[in-house]
Amino acid sequence: ALTVPTCPAREQMAANARQVLAALPDVKQVEIAFGMM
C-alpha cells in the first residue's frame, strides 16, 4: 500500500521485498500487487 500512487520508490521497494523473501526457506515465488493508503 503506497502513500501516493506515483511513489518513485515503489519498484525499488518491491524489488527489495522480493530479494529478502526469496532468501527464506521454502519460498518459491513472490507476488506483489500495488495498492493505495
PDB file of all heavy atoms in Angstrom:
ATOM      1  N   ALA A   1       0.843  -1.198   0.000  1.00  0.00           N
ATOM      2  CA  ALA A   1       0.000   0.000   0.000  1.00  0.00           C
ATOM      3  C   ALA A   1       0.877   1.247   0.000  1.00  0.00           C
ATOM      4  O   ALA A   1       1.616   1.489   0.959  1.00  0.00           O
ATOM      5  CB  ALA A   1      -0.927  -0.003   1.206  1.00  0.00           C
ATOM      6  N   LEU A   2       0.804   2.033  -1.056  1.00  0.00           N
ATOM      7  CA  LEU A   2       1.634   3.221  -1.217  1.00  0.00           C
ATOM      8  C   LEU A   2       0.943   4.443  -0.632  1.00  0.00           C
ATOM      9  O   LEU A   2      -0.286   4.520  -0.574  1.00  0.00           O
ATOM     10  CB  LEU A   2       1.925   3.458  -2.701  1.00  0.00           C
ATOM     11  CG  LEU A   2       2.550   2.284  -3.466  1.00  0.00           C
ATOM     12  CD1 LEU A   2       2.552   2.576  -4.962  1.00  0.00           C
ATOM     13  CD2 LEU A   2       3.955   2.000  -2.968  1.00  0.00           C
ATOM     14  N   THR A   3       1.766   5.420  -0.210  1.00  0.00           N
ATOM     15  CA  THR A   3       1.186   6.661   0.316  1.00  0.00           C
ATOM     16  C   THR A   3       0.649   7.533  -0.807  1.00  0.00           C
ATOM     17  O   THR A   3      -0.335   8.242  -0.639  1.00  0.00           O
ATOM     18  CB  THR A   3       2.233   7.444   1.125  1.00  0.00           C
ATOM     19  OG1 THR A   3       3.416   7.608   0.325  1.00  0.00           O
ATOM     20  CG2 THR A   3       2.587   6.719   2.403  1.00  0.00           C
ATOM     21  N   VAL A   4       1.320   7.493  -1.960  1.00  0.00           N
ATOM     22  CA  VAL A   4       0.829   8.201  -3.148  1.00  0.00           C
ATOM     23  C   VAL A   4       0.990   7.268  -4.347  1.00  0.00           C
ATOM     24  O   VAL A   4       1.943   6.488  -4.412  1.00  0.00           O
ATOM     25  CB  VAL A   4       1.605   9.521  -3.402  1.00  0.00           C
ATOM     26  CG1 VAL A   4       1.290  10.545  -2.335  1.00  0.00           C
ATOM     27  CG2 VAL A   4       3.102   9.281  -3.492  1.00  0.00           C
ATOM     28  N   PRO A   5       0.077   7.319  -5.321  1.00  0.00           N
ATOM     29  CA  PRO A   5       0.142   6.362  -6.443  1.00  0.00           C
ATOM     30  C   PRO A   5       1.383   6.524  -7.304  1.00  0.00           C
ATOM     31  O   PRO A   5       1.823   5.569  -7.944  1.00  0.00           O
ATOM     32  CB  PRO A   5      -1.128   6.672  -7.248  1.00  0.00           C
ATOM     33  CG  PRO A   5      -1.537   8.049  -6.829  1.00  0.00           C
ATOM     34  CD  PRO A   5      -1.110   8.191  -5.405  1.00  0.00           C
ATOM     35  N   THR A   6       1.961   7.730  -7.324  1.00  0.00           N
ATOM     36  CA  THR A   6       3.135   7.982  -8.164  1.00  0.00           C
ATOM     37  C   THR A   6       4.440   7.821  -7.395  1.00  0.00           C
ATOM     38  O   THR A   6       5.469   8.342  -7.816  1.00  0.00           O
ATOM     39  CB  THR A   6       3.065   9.398  -8.748  1.00  0.00           C
ATOM     40  OG1 THR A   6       2.902  10.334  -7.670  1.00  0.00           O
ATOM     41  CG2 THR A   6       1.909   9.536  -9.712  1.00  0.00           C
ATOM     42  N   CYS A   7       4.408   7.098  -6.286  1.00  0.00           N
ATOM     43  CA  CYS A   7       5.600   6.931  -5.441  1.00  0.00           C
ATOM     44  C   CYS A   7       6.798   6.495  -6.288  1.00  0.00           C
ATOM     45  O   CYS A   7       6.769   5.420  -6.906  1.00  0.00           O
ATOM     46  CB  CYS A   7       5.331   5.887  -4.364  1.00  0.00           C
ATOM     47  SG  CYS A   7       6.781   5.464  -3.377  1.00  0.00           S
ATOM     48  N   PRO A   8       7.875   7.298  -6.340  1.00  0.00           N
ATOM     49  CA  PRO A   8       9.016   6.959  -7.195  1.00  0.00           C
ATOM     50  C   PRO A   8       9.818   5.761  -6.715  1.00  0.00           C
ATOM     51  O   PRO A   8      10.609   5.211  -7.463  1.00  0.00           O
ATOM     52  CB  PRO A   8       9.861   8.237  -7.168  1.00  0.00           C
ATOM     53  CG  PRO A   8       9.498   8.911  -5.890  1.00  0.00           C
ATOM     54  CD  PRO A   8       8.060   8.585  -5.652  1.00  0.00           C
ATOM     55  N   ALA A   9       9.595   5.350  -5.447  1.00  0.00           N
ATOM     56  CA  ALA A   9      10.375   4.245  -4.886  1.00  0.00           C
ATOM     57  C   ALA A   9       9.630   2.916  -4.918  1.00  0.00           C
ATOM     58  O   ALA A   9      10.115   1.932  -4.352  1.00  0.00           O
ATOM     59  CB  ALA A   9      10.780   4.585  -3.442  1.00  0.00           C
ATOM     60  N   ARG A  10       8.469   2.865  -5.554  1.00  0.00           N
ATOM     61  CA  ARG A  10       7.632   1.658  -5.492  1.00  0.00           C
ATOM     62  C   ARG A  10       8.354   0.424  -6.041  1.00  0.00           C
ATOM     63  O   ARG A  10       8.323  -0.642  -5.427  1.00  0.00           O
ATOM     64  CB  ARG A  10       6.302   1.880  -6.221  1.00  0.00           C
ATOM     65  CG  ARG A  10       6.450   2.370  -7.647  1.00  0.00           C
ATOM     66  CD  ARG A  10       5.100   2.712  -8.272  1.00  0.00           C
ATOM     67  NE  ARG A  10       4.392   1.485  -8.674  1.00  0.00           N
ATOM     68  CZ  ARG A  10       3.131   1.485  -9.108  1.00  0.00           C
ATOM     69  NH1 ARG A  10       2.457   2.623  -9.175  1.00  0.00           N
ATOM     70  NH2 ARG A  10       2.567   0.360  -9.477  1.00  0.00           N
ATOM     71  N   GLU A  11       8.986   0.570  -7.222  1.00  0.00           N
ATOM     72  CA  GLU A  11       9.657  -0.584  -7.826  1.00  0.00           C
ATOM     73  C   GLU A  11      10.876  -1.009  -7.012  1.00  0.00           C
ATOM     74  O   GLU A  11      11.176  -2.199  -6.882  1.00  0.00           O
ATOM     75  CB  GLU A  11      10.061  -0.268  -9.261  1.00  0.00           C
ATOM     76  CG  GLU A  11       8.894   0.034 -10.187  1.00  0.00           C
ATOM     77  CD  GLU A  11       7.918  -1.136 -10.322  1.00  0.00           C
ATOM     78  OE1 GLU A  11       8.338  -2.287 -10.072  1.00  0.00           O
ATOM     79  OE2 GLU A  11       6.750  -0.896 -10.669  1.00  0.00           O
ATOM     80  N   GLN A  12      11.574  -0.023  -6.449  1.00  0.00           N
ATOM     81  CA  GLN A  12      12.735  -0.348  -5.615  1.00  0.00           C
ATOM     82  C   GLN A  12      12.314  -1.122  -4.376  1.00  0.00           C
ATOM     83  O   GLN A  12      12.934  -2.131  -4.011  1.00  0.00           O
ATOM     84  CB  GLN A  12      13.456   0.935  -5.202  1.00  0.00           C
ATOM     85  CG  GLN A  12      14.652   0.695  -4.268  1.00  0.00           C
ATOM     86  CD  GLN A  12      15.263   1.992  -3.779  1.00  0.00           C
ATOM     87  OE1 GLN A  12      15.067   3.056  -4.357  1.00  0.00           O
ATOM     88  NE2 GLN A  12      16.003   1.914  -2.691  1.00  0.00           N
ATOM     89  N   MET A  13      11.237  -0.678  -3.709  1.00  0.00           N
ATOM     90  CA  MET A  13      10.761  -1.376  -2.515  1.00  0.00           C
ATOM     91  C   MET A  13      10.274  -2.778  -2.852  1.00  0.00           C
ATOM     92  O   MET A  13      10.532  -3.731  -2.109  1.00  0.00           O
ATOM     93  CB  MET A  13       9.654  -0.561  -1.837  1.00  0.00           C
ATOM     94  CG  MET A  13      10.151   0.720  -1.184  1.00  0.00           C
ATOM     95  SD  MET A  13       8.890   1.558  -0.191  1.00  0.00           S
ATOM     96  CE  MET A  13       7.770   2.145  -1.474  1.00  0.00           C
ATOM     97  N   ALA A  14       9.582  -2.912  -3.984  1.00  0.00           N
ATOM     98  CA  ALA A  14       9.095  -4.231  -4.390  1.00  0.00           C
ATOM     99  C   ALA A  14      10.258  -5.174  -4.688  1.00  0.00           C
ATOM    100  O   ALA A  14      10.244  -6.355  -4.294  1.00  0.00           O
ATOM    101  CB  ALA A  14       8.186  -4.100  -5.605  1.00  0.00           C
ATOM    102  N   ALA A  15      11.271  -4.663  -5.361  1.00  0.00           N
ATOM    103  CA  ALA A  15      12.444  -5.494  -5.671  1.00  0.00           C
ATOM    104  C   ALA A  15      13.162  -5.921  -4.400  1.00  0.00           C
ATOM    105  O   ALA A  15      13.586  -7.083  -4.265  1.00  0.00           O
ATOM    106  CB  ALA A  15      13.395  -4.719  -6.582  1.00  0.00           C
ATOM    107  N   ASN A  16      13.297  -4.998  -3.452  1.00  0.00           N
ATOM    108  CA  ASN A  16      13.944  -5.335  -2.175  1.00  0.00           C
ATOM    109  C   ASN A  16      13.128  -6.365  -1.399  1.00  0.00           C
ATOM    110  O   ASN A  16      13.682  -7.260  -0.754  1.00  0.00           O
ATOM    111  CB  ASN A  16      14.138  -4.077  -1.331  1.00  0.00           C
ATOM    112  CG  ASN A  16      15.155  -3.124  -1.934  1.00  0.00           C
ATOM    113  OD1 ASN A  16      15.914  -3.509  -2.815  1.00  0.00           O
ATOM    114  ND2 ASN A  16      15.180  -1.898  -1.465  1.00  0.00           N
ATOM    115  N   ALA A  17      11.813  -6.240  -1.465  1.00  0.00           N
ATOM    116  CA  ALA A  17      10.951  -7.196  -0.773  1.00  0.00           C
ATOM    117  C   ALA A  17      11.104  -8.589  -1.380  1.00  0.00           C
ATOM    118  O   ALA A  17      11.192  -9.602  -0.660  1.00  0.00           O
ATOM    119  CB  ALA A  17       9.499  -6.740  -0.845  1.00  0.00           C
ATOM    120  N   ARG A  18      11.134  -8.685  -2.695  1.00  0.00           N
ATOM    121  CA  ARG A  18      11.322  -9.992  -3.346  1.00  0.00           C
ATOM    122  C   ARG A  18      12.661 -10.611  -2.962  1.00  0.00           C
ATOM    123  O   ARG A  18      12.758 -11.822  -2.748  1.00  0.00           O
ATOM    124  CB  ARG A  18      11.235  -9.824  -4.869  1.00  0.00           C
ATOM    125  CG  ARG A  18       9.854  -9.464  -5.386  1.00  0.00           C
ATOM    126  CD  ARG A  18       9.795  -9.528  -6.915  1.00  0.00           C
ATOM    127  NE  ARG A  18       8.490  -9.093  -7.395  1.00  0.00           N
ATOM    128  CZ  ARG A  18       8.218  -7.863  -7.798  1.00  0.00           C
ATOM    129  NH1 ARG A  18       9.176  -6.943  -7.786  1.00  0.00           N
ATOM    130  NH2 ARG A  18       7.014  -7.544  -8.220  1.00  0.00           N
ATOM    131  N   GLN A  19      13.667  -9.760  -2.855  1.00  0.00           N
ATOM    132  CA  GLN A  19      15.000 -10.262  -2.527  1.00  0.00           C
ATOM    133  C   GLN A  19      15.054 -10.855  -1.125  1.00  0.00           C
ATOM    134  O   GLN A  19      15.592 -11.961  -0.928  1.00  0.00           O
ATOM    135  CB  GLN A  19      16.020  -9.125  -2.650  1.00  0.00           C
ATOM    136  CG  GLN A  19      17.457  -9.560  -2.407  1.00  0.00           C
ATOM    137  CD  GLN A  19      18.448  -8.422  -2.593  1.00  0.00           C
ATOM    138  OE1 GLN A  19      18.071  -7.280  -2.768  1.00  0.00           O
ATOM    139  NE2 GLN A  19      19.731  -8.746  -2.562  1.00  0.00           N
ATOM    140  N   VAL A  20      14.499 -10.153  -0.133  1.00  0.00           N
ATOM    141  CA  VAL A  20      14.574 -10.665   1.244  1.00  0.00           C
ATOM    142  C   VAL A  20      13.668 -11.872   1.433  1.00  0.00           C
ATOM    143  O   VAL A  20      13.992 -12.787   2.211  1.00  0.00           O
ATOM    144  CB  VAL A  20      14.232  -9.560   2.280  1.00  0.00           C
ATOM    145  CG1 VAL A  20      15.219  -8.413   2.197  1.00  0.00           C
ATOM    146  CG2 VAL A  20      12.804  -9.060   2.128  1.00  0.00           C
ATOM    147  N   LEU A  21      12.558 -11.913   0.720  1.00  0.00           N
ATOM    148  CA  LEU A  21      11.654 -13.057   0.862  1.00  0.00           C
ATOM    149  C   LEU A  21      12.199 -14.289   0.142  1.00  0.00           C
ATOM    150  O   LEU A  21      12.012 -15.423   0.604  1.00  0.00           O
ATOM    151  CB  LEU A  21      10.262 -12.706   0.320  1.00  0.00           C
ATOM    152  CG  LEU A  21       9.492 -11.654   1.124  1.00  0.00           C
ATOM    153  CD1 LEU A  21       8.154 -11.349   0.460  1.00  0.00           C
ATOM    154  CD2 LEU A  21       9.281 -12.101   2.567  1.00  0.00           C
ATOM    155  N   ALA A  22      12.876 -14.087  -0.964  1.00  0.00           N
ATOM    156  CA  ALA A  22      13.458 -15.216  -1.698  1.00  0.00           C
ATOM    157  C   ALA A  22      14.531 -15.921  -0.894  1.00  0.00           C
ATOM    158  O   ALA A  22      14.827 -17.107  -1.135  1.00  0.00           O
ATOM    159  CB  ALA A  22      14.024 -14.729  -3.031  1.00  0.00           C
ATOM    160  N   ALA A  23      15.112 -15.216   0.079  1.00  0.00           N
ATOM    161  CA  ALA A  23      16.156 -15.817   0.913  1.00  0.00           C
ATOM    162  C   ALA A  23      15.582 -16.706   2.012  1.00  0.00           C
ATOM    163  O   ALA A  23      16.339 -17.449   2.664  1.00  0.00           O
ATOM    164  CB  ALA A  23      17.014 -14.707   1.535  1.00  0.00           C
ATOM    165  N   LEU A  24      14.266 -16.663   2.229  1.00  0.00           N
ATOM    166  CA  LEU A  24      13.650 -17.502   3.253  1.00  0.00           C
ATOM    167  C   LEU A  24      13.532 -18.946   2.752  1.00  0.00           C
ATOM    168  O   LEU A  24      13.363 -19.189   1.556  1.00  0.00           O
ATOM    169  CB  LEU A  24      12.253 -16.965   3.604  1.00  0.00           C
ATOM    170  CG  LEU A  24      12.208 -15.582   4.266  1.00  0.00           C
ATOM    171  CD1 LEU A  24      10.756 -15.140   4.455  1.00  0.00           C
ATOM    172  CD2 LEU A  24      12.931 -15.600   5.609  1.00  0.00           C
ATOM    173  N   PRO A  25      13.586 -19.911   3.666  1.00  0.00           N
ATOM    174  CA  PRO A  25      13.485 -21.328   3.248  1.00  0.00           C
ATOM    175  C   PRO A  25      12.109 -21.651   2.666  1.00  0.00           C
ATOM    176  O   PRO A  25      11.093 -21.146   3.142  1.00  0.00           O
ATOM    177  CB  PRO A  25      13.736 -22.098   4.550  1.00  0.00           C
ATOM    178  CG  PRO A  25      13.436 -21.126   5.640  1.00  0.00           C
ATOM    179  CD  PRO A  25      13.805 -19.779   5.120  1.00  0.00           C
ATOM    180  N   ASP A  26      12.116 -22.461   1.624  1.00  0.00           N
ATOM    181  CA  ASP A  26      10.897 -22.994   1.003  1.00  0.00           C
ATOM    182  C   ASP A  26      10.069 -21.960   0.231  1.00  0.00           C
ATOM    183  O   ASP A  26       8.955 -22.265  -0.196  1.00  0.00           O
ATOM    184  CB  ASP A  26       9.992 -23.672   2.058  1.00  0.00           C
ATOM    185  CG  ASP A  26      10.699 -24.801   2.777  1.00  0.00           C
ATOM    186  OD1 ASP A  26      11.477 -25.521   2.121  1.00  0.00           O
ATOM    187  OD2 ASP A  26      10.499 -24.945   4.002  1.00  0.00           O
ATOM    188  N   VAL A  27      10.589 -20.748   0.068  1.00  0.00           N
ATOM    189  CA  VAL A  27       9.845 -19.747  -0.708  1.00  0.00           C
ATOM    190  C   VAL A  27      10.192 -19.929  -2.196  1.00  0.00           C
ATOM    191  O   VAL A  27      11.350 -19.840  -2.593  1.00  0.00           O
ATOM    192  CB  VAL A  27      10.186 -18.313  -0.253  1.00  0.00           C
ATOM    193  CG1 VAL A  27       9.542 -17.290  -1.197  1.00  0.00           C
ATOM    194  CG2 VAL A  27       9.714 -18.088   1.170  1.00  0.00           C
ATOM    195  N   LYS A  28       9.161 -20.185  -3.003  1.00  0.00           N
ATOM    196  CA  LYS A  28       9.356 -20.454  -4.426  1.00  0.00           C
ATOM    197  C   LYS A  28       8.980 -19.265  -5.316  1.00  0.00           C
ATOM    198  O   LYS A  28       9.527 -19.093  -6.399  1.00  0.00           O
ATOM    199  CB  LYS A  28       8.510 -21.663  -4.861  1.00  0.00           C
ATOM    200  CG  LYS A  28       8.719 -22.906  -4.016  1.00  0.00           C
ATOM    201  CD  LYS A  28      10.154 -23.415  -4.118  1.00  0.00           C
ATOM    202  CE  LYS A  28      10.316 -24.719  -3.316  1.00  0.00           C
ATOM    203  NZ  LYS A  28      11.733 -25.176  -3.284  1.00  0.00           N
ATOM    204  N   GLN A  29       8.030 -18.455  -4.846  1.00  0.00           N
ATOM    205  CA  GLN A  29       7.525 -17.371  -5.681  1.00  0.00           C
ATOM    206  C   GLN A  29       7.043 -16.229  -4.782  1.00  0.00           C
ATOM    207  O   GLN A  29       6.498 -16.455  -3.710  1.00  0.00           O
ATOM    208  CB  GLN A  29       6.367 -17.881  -6.557  1.00  0.00           C
ATOM    209  CG  GLN A  29       5.812 -16.845  -7.527  1.00  0.00           C
ATOM    210  CD  GLN A  29       4.652 -17.399  -8.336  1.00  0.00           C
ATOM    211  OE1 GLN A  29       4.326 -18.596  -8.257  1.00  0.00           O
ATOM    212  NE2 GLN A  29       4.005 -16.551  -9.118  1.00  0.00           N
ATOM    213  N   VAL A  30       7.257 -14.991  -5.255  1.00  0.00           N
ATOM    214  CA  VAL A  30       6.777 -13.810  -4.529  1.00  0.00           C
ATOM    215  C   VAL A  30       5.958 -12.960  -5.492  1.00  0.00           C
ATOM    216  O   VAL A  30       6.428 -12.579  -6.566  1.00  0.00           O
ATOM    217  CB  VAL A  30       7.953 -12.973  -3.968  1.00  0.00           C
ATOM    218  CG1 VAL A  30       7.412 -11.715  -3.268  1.00  0.00           C
ATOM    219  CG2 VAL A  30       8.782 -13.805  -3.005  1.00  0.00           C
ATOM    220  N   GLU A  31       4.740 -12.683  -5.117  1.00  0.00           N
ATOM    221  CA  GLU A  31       3.846 -11.886  -5.966  1.00  0.00           C
ATOM    222  C   GLU A  31       3.428 -10.639  -5.187  1.00  0.00           C
ATOM    223  O   GLU A  31       2.875 -10.739  -4.083  1.00  0.00           O
ATOM    224  CB  GLU A  31       2.620 -12.710  -6.349  1.00  0.00           C
ATOM    225  CG  GLU A  31       1.669 -12.001  -7.297  1.00  0.00           C
ATOM    226  CD  GLU A  31       0.509 -12.895  -7.692  1.00  0.00           C
ATOM    227  OE1 GLU A  31       0.730 -13.831  -8.497  1.00  0.00           O
ATOM    228  OE2 GLU A  31      -0.610 -12.669  -7.175  1.00  0.00           O
ATOM    229  N   ILE A  32       3.703  -9.457  -5.757  1.00  0.00           N
ATOM    230  CA  ILE A  32       3.408  -8.194  -5.077  1.00  0.00           C
ATOM    231  C   ILE A  32       2.494  -7.348  -5.955  1.00  0.00           C
ATOM    232  O   ILE A  32       2.800  -7.084  -7.123  1.00  0.00           O
ATOM    233  CB  ILE A  32       4.704  -7.407  -4.776  1.00  0.00           C
ATOM    234  CG1 ILE A  32       5.637  -8.246  -3.906  1.00  0.00           C
ATOM    235  CG2 ILE A  32       4.381  -6.080  -4.080  1.00  0.00           C
ATOM    236  CD1 ILE A  32       7.000  -7.599  -3.680  1.00  0.00           C
ATOM    237  N   ALA A  33       1.366  -6.953  -5.380  1.00  0.00           N
ATOM    238  CA  ALA A  33       0.457  -6.021  -6.054  1.00  0.00           C
ATOM    239  C   ALA A  33       0.578  -4.656  -5.369  1.00  0.00           C
ATOM    240  O   ALA A  33       0.932  -4.577  -4.187  1.00  0.00           O
ATOM    241  CB  ALA A  33      -0.981  -6.530  -5.975  1.00  0.00           C
ATOM    242  N   PHE A  34       0.309  -3.598  -6.110  1.00  0.00           N
ATOM    243  CA  PHE A  34       0.367  -2.258  -5.537  1.00  0.00           C
ATOM    244  C   PHE A  34      -1.035  -1.768  -5.201  1.00  0.00           C
ATOM    245  O   PHE A  34      -1.978  -1.939  -5.977  1.00  0.00           O
ATOM    246  CB  PHE A  34       1.029  -1.276  -6.509  1.00  0.00           C
ATOM    247  CG  PHE A  34       2.493  -1.548  -6.730  1.00  0.00           C
ATOM    248  CD1 PHE A  34       2.948  -2.056  -7.938  1.00  0.00           C
ATOM    249  CD2 PHE A  34       3.417  -1.306  -5.722  1.00  0.00           C
ATOM    250  CE1 PHE A  34       4.294  -2.308  -8.150  1.00  0.00           C
ATOM    251  CE2 PHE A  34       4.763  -1.563  -5.920  1.00  0.00           C
ATOM    252  CZ  PHE A  34       5.205  -2.063  -7.131  1.00  0.00           C
ATOM    253  N   GLY A  35      -1.150  -1.172  -4.023  1.00  0.00           N
ATOM    254  CA  GLY A  35      -2.400  -0.568  -3.599  1.00  0.00           C
ATOM    255  C   GLY A  35      -2.158   0.840  -3.103  1.00  0.00           C
ATOM    256  O   GLY A  35      -1.066   1.376  -3.214  1.00  0.00           O
ATOM    257  N   MET A  36      -3.194   1.448  -2.535  1.00  0.00           N
ATOM    258  CA  MET A  36      -3.097   2.821  -2.048  1.00  0.00           C
ATOM    259  C   MET A  36      -3.628   2.920  -0.631  1.00  0.00           C
ATOM    260  O   MET A  36      -4.630   2.304  -0.280  1.00  0.00           O
ATOM    261  CB  MET A  36      -3.931   3.744  -2.943  1.00  0.00           C
ATOM    262  CG  MET A  36      -3.139   4.385  -4.059  1.00  0.00           C
ATOM    263  SD  MET A  36      -1.990   5.627  -3.419  1.00  0.00           S
ATOM    264  CE  MET A  36      -3.143   6.820  -2.786  1.00  0.00           C
ATOM    265  N   MET A  37      -2.918   3.682   0.205  1.00  0.00           N
ATOM    266  CA  MET A  37      -3.440   4.013   1.521  1.00  0.00           C
ATOM    267  C   MET A  37      -4.622   4.976   1.376  1.00  0.00           C
ATOM    268  O   MET A  37      -4.702   5.734   0.404  1.00  0.00           O
ATOM    269  CB  MET A  37      -2.365   4.684   2.375  1.00  0.00           C
ATOM    270  CG  MET A  37      -1.249   3.778   2.833  1.00  0.00           C
ATOM    271  SD  MET A  37      -0.147   4.687   3.966  1.00  0.00           S
ATOM    272  CE  MET A  37       1.010   3.365   4.382  1.00  0.00           C
TER     273      MET A  37
END
